[in-house]
């Protein structure tokens, strides 16, 4: 069995990290026909995902994401492309979330009236 491990640090806090993880779960459910289950905890959540040939989990914490997945024999041959796609999806969600405060600040600055 091939194994994928991805770690991403962030400074979003648990609430915003949950939002990203749930968005990611929705994307993989739609795009890859995964079945996802979210288990909420006090200090972290776990998003379990599975489909034929794949089983894994995404740990969602206030300061990091930790994804681990096991690929079956057939999908194991595509490990690098699958890993790359997962990284791309997760990084895109993190980038979009990181850009939100900057957008909000620029909108607020645009609403200020000149003195």
Protein backbone atom coordinates (compact mmCIF):
# COMPACT_ATOMS: atom_id res chain seq x y z
CA UNK A 1 0.00 0.00 0.00
CA UNK A 2 1.20 3.48 -0.88
CA UNK A 3 0.87 6.14 1.78
CA UNK A 4 0.44 9.89 1.48
CA UNK A 5 1.28 12.33 4.28
CA UNK A 6 0.79 16.08 3.97
CA UNK A 7 1.32 18.68 6.70
CA UNK A 8 0.39 22.35 6.38
CA UNK A 9 0.90 24.94 9.11
CA UNK A 10 -1.44 27.93 9.25
CA UNK A 11 -2.47 30.78 11.55
CA UNK A 12 -6.23 30.62 10.93
CA UNK A 13 -7.49 29.33 14.25
CA UNK A 14 -9.81 26.35 14.63
CA UNK A 15 -13.01 28.03 13.44
CA UNK A 16 -11.60 29.17 10.09
CA UNK A 17 -9.60 25.95 9.68
CA UNK A 18 -12.86 23.99 10.09
CA UNK A 19 -14.45 26.03 7.32
CA UNK A 20 -11.56 25.22 5.00
CA UNK A 21 -11.63 21.53 5.91
CA UNK A 22 -15.36 21.30 5.27
CA UNK A 23 -14.92 23.07 1.92
CA UNK A 24 -12.13 20.62 1.08
CA UNK A 25 -14.34 17.67 2.06
CA UNK A 26 -17.12 18.94 -0.20
CA UNK A 27 -14.65 19.29 -3.08
CA UNK A 28 -13.24 15.78 -2.76
CA UNK A 29 -16.71 14.30 -2.36
CA UNK A 30 -17.80 15.92 -5.63
CA UNK A 31 -14.57 15.64 -7.60
CA UNK A 32 -13.35 12.19 -6.52
CA UNK A 33 -16.56 10.50 -5.33
CA UNK A 34 -15.24 10.27 -1.76
CA UNK A 35 -17.42 9.64 1.26
CA UNK A 36 -16.43 12.10 4.02
CA UNK A 37 -17.34 12.16 7.68
CA UNK A 38 -16.48 15.05 10.01
CA UNK A 39 -15.84 14.26 13.67
CA UNK A 40 -15.73 17.48 15.68
CA UNK A 41 -13.61 17.79 18.80
CA UNK A 42 -12.77 20.54 21.28
CA UNK A 43 -9.24 21.22 20.04
CA UNK A 44 -9.28 19.52 16.63
CA UNK A 45 -11.56 17.85 14.12
CA UNK A 46 -11.05 14.78 11.99
CA UNK A 47 -12.33 14.50 8.44
CA UNK A 48 -12.37 10.83 7.51
CA UNK A 49 -12.55 10.10 3.80
CA UNK A 50 -12.89 6.88 1.86
CA UNK A 51 -13.72 5.38 -1.50
CA UNK A 52 -12.69 2.25 -3.30
CA UNK A 53 -8.89 2.07 -3.08
CA UNK A 54 -8.46 5.08 -0.74
CA UNK A 55 -8.84 5.55 3.00
CA UNK A 56 -7.57 8.45 5.04
CA UNK A 57 -8.11 11.31 7.40
CA UNK A 58 -7.47 15.01 7.65
CA UNK A 59 -6.74 16.31 11.15
CA UNK A 60 -7.84 19.92 11.47
CA UNK A 61 -6.25 21.90 14.30
CA UNK A 62 -5.99 25.59 15.15
CA UNK A 63 -2.45 25.83 13.74
CA UNK A 64 -2.08 22.98 11.24
CA UNK A 65 -3.63 20.42 8.93
CA UNK A 66 -2.32 16.85 8.89
CA UNK A 67 -3.51 14.57 6.10
CA UNK A 68 -2.72 10.88 5.85
CA UNK A 69 -4.11 8.46 3.30
CA UNK A 70 -3.50 4.90 2.22
CA UNK A 71 -3.90 4.00 -1.42
CA UNK A 72 -4.77 0.53 -2.61
CA UNK A 73 -2.68 -1.39 -5.09
CA UNK A 74 -4.21 0.11 -8.24
CA UNK A 75 -4.21 3.73 -7.06
CA UNK A 76 -0.76 3.32 -5.51
CA UNK A 77 0.70 3.50 -9.00
CA UNK A 78 -0.65 7.06 -9.24
CA UNK A 79 0.56 8.16 -5.80
CA UNK A 80 2.56 11.18 -6.95
CA UNK A 81 -0.23 12.61 -9.11
CA UNK A 82 -2.86 11.98 -6.42
CA UNK A 83 -0.63 13.56 -3.78
CA UNK A 84 0.01 16.55 -6.05
CA UNK A 85 -3.72 17.03 -6.65
CA UNK A 86 -4.50 16.89 -2.92
CA UNK A 87 -1.74 19.41 -2.19
CA UNK A 88 -3.00 21.70 -4.95
CA UNK A 89 -6.60 21.63 -3.66
CA UNK A 90 -5.59 22.20 -0.03
CA UNK A 91 -3.09 24.94 -0.88
CA UNK A 92 -5.68 26.72 -3.06
CA UNK A 93 -8.17 26.75 -0.18
CA UNK A 94 -5.51 28.00 2.24
CA UNK A 95 -4.40 30.72 -0.19
CA UNK A 96 -7.96 31.88 -0.74
CA UNK A 97 -8.56 32.01 3.01
CA UNK A 98 -5.30 33.84 3.67
CA UNK A 99 -6.29 36.48 1.09
CA UNK A 100 -9.65 37.18 2.76
CA UNK A 101 -8.40 39.56 5.49
CA UNK A 102 -6.47 41.57 2.90
CA UNK A 103 -9.61 41.91 0.77
CA UNK A 104 -11.70 42.92 3.77
CA UNK A 105 -9.11 45.49 4.84
CA UNK A 106 -8.91 46.98 1.33
CA UNK A 107 -12.72 47.21 1.14
CA UNK A 108 -12.83 48.93 4.51
CA UNK A 109 -10.12 51.33 3.44
CA UNK A 110 -12.08 52.11 0.28
CA UNK A 111 -15.17 53.02 2.33
CA UNK A 112 -13.34 55.61 4.43
CA UNK A 113 -14.19 59.18 3.59
CA UNK A 114 -11.36 61.63 3.04
CA UNK A 115 -10.68 64.00 5.93
